[in-house]
């Protein structure tokens, strides 16, 4: 009679070990796929934030910090109530919609510019206060 050591594993033991191995591999594959998706989504969201900030930087450049005359203030007031939407086709064939809106709350000293960027179901909004005063050293577009 042969001992258990010589016979090897039973069919049930092999099936259980295989099922456990497949389960672990499936869980690891799912975790890696989710991580890659999250990373790609974060990169796309950051790109949209950058696009929104670039639009706001361009709008702030219109207020001519070096020219503190009434002309600059008039130009800034002329932006209030305006909204513009642009559709941009990206190299990966996705469309990006950029909407810029300038508004001013009653009694507020300065208007606010909002840039909203939409692409592939993701929407990002950045805002900044517009002013004809020079920004303080080290300040960023976001206020």
Protein backbone atom coordinates (compact mmCIF):
# COMPACT_ATOMS: atom_id res chain seq x y z
CA UNK A 1 0.00 0.00 0.00
CA UNK A 2 1.33 3.48 -0.85
CA UNK A 3 1.43 6.23 1.70
CA UNK A 4 -0.33 9.60 1.27
CA UNK A 5 3.03 11.27 0.66
CA UNK A 6 3.61 9.15 -2.42
CA UNK A 7 0.10 9.63 -3.87
CA UNK A 8 0.28 13.47 -4.25
CA UNK A 9 -2.66 15.85 -4.00
CA UNK A 10 -6.27 14.90 -4.38
CA UNK A 11 -8.43 16.47 -7.10
CA UNK A 12 -10.34 18.52 -4.51
CA UNK A 13 -7.11 19.99 -3.11
CA UNK A 14 -5.92 20.96 -6.59
CA UNK A 15 -9.29 22.58 -7.43
CA UNK A 16 -9.34 24.57 -4.19
CA UNK A 17 -5.74 25.74 -4.70
CA UNK A 18 -6.52 26.72 -8.30
CA UNK A 19 -9.64 28.65 -7.28
CA UNK A 20 -7.72 30.53 -4.60
CA UNK A 21 -4.91 31.37 -7.03
CA UNK A 22 -7.37 32.61 -9.67
CA UNK A 23 -9.17 34.71 -7.04
CA UNK A 24 -5.94 36.36 -5.89
CA UNK A 25 -4.81 37.04 -9.47
CA UNK A 26 -8.21 38.48 -10.37
CA UNK A 27 -8.15 40.79 -7.34
CA UNK A 28 -4.61 41.96 -8.16
CA UNK A 29 -5.54 42.61 -11.81
CA UNK A 30 -8.61 44.59 -10.77
CA UNK A 31 -6.55 46.68 -8.35
CA UNK A 32 -3.97 47.50 -11.02
CA UNK A 33 -6.67 48.39 -13.56
CA UNK A 34 -8.43 50.68 -11.06
CA UNK A 35 -5.13 52.33 -10.19
CA UNK A 36 -4.34 52.99 -13.86
CA UNK A 37 -7.84 54.37 -14.48
CA UNK A 38 -7.57 56.65 -11.44
CA UNK A 39 -4.18 57.88 -12.55
CA UNK A 40 -5.41 58.65 -16.08
CA UNK A 41 -8.48 60.43 -14.69
CA UNK A 42 -6.30 62.53 -12.36
CA UNK A 43 -4.00 63.48 -15.24
CA UNK A 44 -6.96 64.52 -17.39
CA UNK A 45 -8.48 66.55 -14.55
CA UNK A 46 -5.17 68.34 -13.97
CA UNK A 47 -4.94 69.15 -17.69
CA UNK A 48 -8.44 70.65 -17.54
CA UNK A 49 -7.47 72.71 -14.48
CA UNK A 50 -4.44 73.98 -16.38
CA UNK A 51 -6.62 74.96 -19.35
CA UNK A 52 -9.03 76.83 -17.07
CA UNK A 53 -6.17 78.64 -15.33
CA UNK A 54 -4.66 79.59 -18.70
CA UNK A 55 -7.96 81.17 -19.76
CA UNK A 56 -8.12 83.12 -16.49
CA UNK A 57 -4.52 84.25 -16.89
CA UNK A 58 -5.37 85.59 -20.35
CA UNK A 59 -8.39 87.46 -18.97
CA UNK A 60 -6.37 88.95 -16.13
CA UNK A 61 -3.80 90.14 -18.66
CA UNK A 62 -6.55 92.23 -20.27
CA UNK A 63 -6.82 94.39 -17.14
CA UNK A 64 -3.39 96.00 -17.80
CA UNK A 65 -1.81 96.16 -14.37
CA UNK A 66 0.75 98.67 -15.54
CA UNK A 67 -1.95 101.11 -16.64
CA UNK A 68 -3.98 102.28 -13.62
CA UNK A 69 -5.95 104.79 -15.66
CA UNK A 70 -9.71 105.03 -16.06
CA UNK A 71 -9.32 103.23 -19.39
CA UNK A 72 -8.29 100.03 -17.56
CA UNK A 73 -11.23 100.32 -15.19
CA UNK A 74 -13.57 100.90 -18.14
CA UNK A 75 -12.17 97.83 -19.93
CA UNK A 76 -12.67 95.76 -16.80
CA UNK A 77 -16.28 96.94 -16.36
CA UNK A 78 -16.96 96.11 -20.03
CA UNK A 79 -16.20 92.44 -19.33
CA UNK A 80 -18.94 92.13 -16.68
CA UNK A 81 -21.93 90.15 -17.86
CA UNK A 82 -20.08 88.58 -20.76
CA UNK A 83 -19.85 84.88 -21.42
CA UNK A 84 -18.02 83.03 -24.16
CA UNK A 85 -17.86 79.35 -25.04
CA UNK A 86 -15.22 77.71 -27.19
CA UNK A 87 -15.04 74.12 -28.37
CA UNK A 88 -11.55 72.70 -28.86
CA UNK A 89 -10.74 69.38 -30.52
CA UNK A 90 -7.86 67.56 -28.84
CA UNK A 91 -5.36 65.26 -30.61
CA UNK A 92 -6.98 62.21 -29.00
CA UNK A 93 -10.23 63.22 -30.78
CA UNK A 94 -11.99 64.25 -27.60
CA UNK A 95 -13.79 67.59 -27.57
CA UNK A 96 -13.16 70.11 -24.81
CA UNK A 97 -15.61 72.93 -24.14
CA UNK A 98 -14.29 76.02 -22.38
CA UNK A 99 -16.78 78.55 -21.01
CA UNK A 100 -15.63 81.87 -19.59
CA UNK A 101 -18.08 84.00 -17.63
CA UNK A 102 -17.38 87.36 -15.99
CA UNK A 103 -19.82 88.54 -13.34
CA UNK A 104 -19.98 90.99 -10.48
CA UNK A 105 -22.17 90.68 -7.42
CA UNK A 106 -24.07 93.82 -6.42
CA UNK A 107 -21.89 95.87 -4.12
CA UNK A 108 -18.77 93.79 -4.81
CA UNK A 109 -15.69 95.92 -5.52
CA UNK A 110 -14.34 93.71 -8.33
CA UNK A 111 -15.77 91.34 -10.92
CA UNK A 112 -15.10 87.61 -10.85
CA UNK A 113 -14.09 85.48 -13.84
CA UNK A 114 -15.12 81.81 -13.93
CA UNK A 115 -13.59 79.39 -16.42
CA UNK A 116 -15.37 76.05 -16.78
CA UNK A 117 -13.80 73.28 -18.85
CA UNK A 118 -15.78 70.16 -19.81
CA UNK A 119 -14.33 67.07 -21.49
CA UNK A 120 -15.27 63.40 -21.45
CA UNK A 121 -17.83 63.86 -18.67
CA UNK A 122 -15.42 65.75 -16.40
CA UNK A 123 -16.17 69.35 -15.46
CA UNK A 124 -13.63 71.67 -13.83
CA UNK A 125 -14.24 75.27 -12.73
CA UNK A 126 -11.64 77.80 -11.70
CA UNK A 127 -12.33 81.36 -10.61
CA UNK A 128 -10.36 84.51 -10.02
CA UNK A 129 -11.13 88.05 -8.95
CA UNK A 130 -10.34 90.65 -11.59
CA UNK A 131 -8.79 93.90 -10.50
CA UNK A 132 -6.81 96.74 -12.03
CA UNK A 133 -4.51 96.68 -9.05
CA UNK A 134 -1.19 94.93 -9.44
CA UNK A 135 -1.11 91.49 -7.82
CA UNK A 136 1.01 91.13 -4.73
CA UNK A 137 4.40 89.45 -5.22
CA UNK A 138 4.14 85.68 -5.12
CA UNK A 139 0.36 85.61 -5.58
CA UNK A 140 -1.17 83.15 -8.02
CA UNK A 141 -4.09 83.39 -10.41
CA UNK A 142 -6.32 81.55 -7.94
CA UNK A 143 -7.75 83.86 -5.31
